[in-house]
Protein backbone atom coordinates (compact mmCIF):
# COMPACT_ATOMS: atom_id res chain seq x y z
CA MET A 1 6.70 -8.10 -11.17
CA GLN A 2 8.59 -6.04 -8.89
CA TYR A 3 11.16 -4.00 -9.87
CA LEU A 4 12.93 -1.52 -7.15
CA LEU A 5 13.49 1.80 -9.02
CA LEU A 6 16.73 3.00 -6.96
CA ILE A 7 17.57 6.56 -6.97
CA TYR A 8 21.97 7.35 -6.77
CA LEU A 9 22.28 11.18 -6.43
CA GLU A 10 25.27 13.07 -6.57
CA PRO A 11 25.06 15.60 -3.18
CA PRO A 12 25.41 18.80 -3.62
CA ALA A 13 28.11 21.02 -3.49
CA GLU A 14 26.08 23.31 -1.45
CA ALA A 15 22.00 23.59 -0.62
CA PRO A 16 20.22 25.00 -3.54
CA ASP A 17 18.46 28.25 -2.57
CA GLN A 18 14.94 28.37 -1.98
CA ALA A 19 13.86 28.84 -5.68
CA GLN A 20 15.81 26.17 -6.92
CA LEU A 21 14.81 23.50 -3.72
CA ASP A 22 11.24 24.64 -4.47
CA ALA A 23 11.41 23.27 -8.03
CA GLN A 24 13.00 20.38 -7.71
CA MET A 25 10.69 19.09 -4.73
CA ALA A 26 7.42 20.41 -6.99
CA GLU A 27 9.51 17.48 -9.92
CA TRP A 28 8.79 14.77 -7.35
CA TRP A 29 5.36 15.32 -5.83
CA ALA A 30 4.51 15.62 -9.21
CA TYR A 31 6.75 12.56 -10.58
CA ASP A 32 5.13 10.64 -7.13
CA ASP A 33 1.27 11.54 -7.91
CA ALA A 34 1.17 10.22 -11.32
CA ILE A 35 3.76 7.00 -9.89
CA ARG A 36 0.78 6.00 -7.26
CA LYS A 37 -2.30 7.12 -9.39
CA SER A 38 -1.00 4.22 -12.14
CA GLY A 39 -1.14 1.52 -9.94
CA VAL A 40 1.90 0.36 -10.08
CA TYR A 41 2.61 1.51 -6.88
CA VAL A 42 4.41 -0.22 -4.22
CA ASP A 43 6.32 1.44 -1.82
CA ALA A 44 8.74 4.48 -1.67
CA ASN A 45 11.22 6.17 1.13
CA ALA A 46 13.82 8.33 1.06
CA LEU A 47 17.23 8.07 2.59
CA GLU A 48 18.90 9.91 4.95
CA PRO A 49 22.48 11.13 4.17
CA ALA A 50 24.74 8.91 3.86
CA THR A 51 27.19 10.33 6.36
CA THR A 52 24.03 8.81 8.59
CA ALA A 53 24.57 5.25 7.42
CA THR A 54 26.78 2.55 9.53
CA THR A 55 27.88 -0.39 7.75
CA LEU A 56 27.92 -4.02 9.59
CA ARG A 57 30.35 -7.03 8.33
CA LEU A 58 31.06 -9.75 10.37
CA LYS A 59 34.72 -10.81 10.72
CA ASP A 60 35.24 -14.23 12.74
CA GLY A 61 32.10 -13.80 14.35
CA GLU A 62 32.74 -11.01 15.95
CA ARG A 63 30.70 -7.39 13.94
CA VAL A 64 32.42 -5.16 13.30
CA VAL A 65 30.86 -2.22 12.90
CA THR A 66 32.06 1.41 11.63
CA ASP A 67 30.38 5.02 10.81
CA GLY A 68 29.22 5.65 7.79
CA PRO A 69 28.52 3.88 3.88
CA PHE A 70 31.02 1.34 2.80
CA ALA A 71 31.86 2.60 -0.85
CA GLU A 72 33.20 5.22 -1.73
CA THR A 73 31.65 6.39 -4.50
CA ARG A 74 29.73 9.97 -5.82
CA GLU A 75 26.30 8.87 -6.13
CA VAL A 76 24.92 7.17 -3.22
CA LEU A 77 21.52 5.57 -2.96
CA GLY A 78 19.55 8.28 -1.98
CA GLY A 79 16.05 6.52 -2.34
CA TYR A 80 13.50 3.98 -3.55
CA TYR A 81 10.58 3.24 -5.53
CA LEU A 82 9.34 -0.60 -5.28
CA VAL A 83 6.80 -0.87 -8.44
CA ASP A 84 5.36 -3.74 -9.53
CA VAL A 85 4.55 -3.91 -13.60
CA PRO A 86 4.25 -6.04 -16.22
CA ASP A 87 7.93 -6.01 -17.47
CA LEU A 88 11.08 -4.38 -17.80
CA ASP A 89 10.09 -2.30 -20.39
CA THR A 90 7.19 -0.63 -18.08
CA ALA A 91 10.12 -0.75 -15.47
CA LEU A 92 12.82 1.49 -17.27
CA ASP A 93 9.56 3.67 -18.29
CA TRP A 94 8.50 4.90 -15.14
CA ALA A 95 12.51 4.84 -14.29
CA ALA A 96 13.25 7.54 -16.86
CA LYS A 97 9.92 10.01 -16.07
CA CYS A 98 11.43 9.60 -12.51
CA PRO A 99 13.38 12.99 -11.41
CA GLY A 100 16.35 10.78 -10.33
CA ALA A 101 17.26 10.01 -13.85
CA LYS A 102 18.18 13.94 -14.60
CA TYR A 103 19.84 14.41 -11.32
CA GLY A 104 21.77 10.61 -10.84
CA SER A 105 21.37 7.50 -12.51
CA MET A 106 18.35 4.98 -11.82
CA GLU A 107 19.24 1.23 -11.01
CA ILE A 108 16.58 -1.25 -11.98
CA ARG A 109 16.35 -4.58 -10.31
CA PRO A 110 13.72 -6.70 -10.55
CA THR A 111 12.76 -8.51 -6.13
CA THR A 112 13.46 -12.12 -5.60
CA VAL A 113 10.04 -13.83 -3.41
CA PHE A 114 11.35 -17.14 -1.81
CA GLU A 115 8.73 -19.24 -1.12
CA ARG A 116 8.91 -20.93 3.07
CA ASP A 117 7.15 -23.43 3.83
């Protein structure tokens, strides 16, 4: 079964110094290497900052486009890992190992596969 591990992080008030950034990136690279070597990795990407987002809604059949994310929240979606694992417990294990769990929160959500004729 595939699970999406959604990584939510609180944007930093100020940029970390280079030593902190290097240490954090080392954690992310180690996690990325481990999940890829495990065989459960399907896909992953980081997202650009929420300030680059565009939100679209349809109102009375017309597109309404606004800059920025819809929700006002402290934590924003920063990226994801898509894993193929046997069960939720295994997905939770991988989410707990992710640096995102240390610096923010992880949402674990099963994917739905639609069958088409």
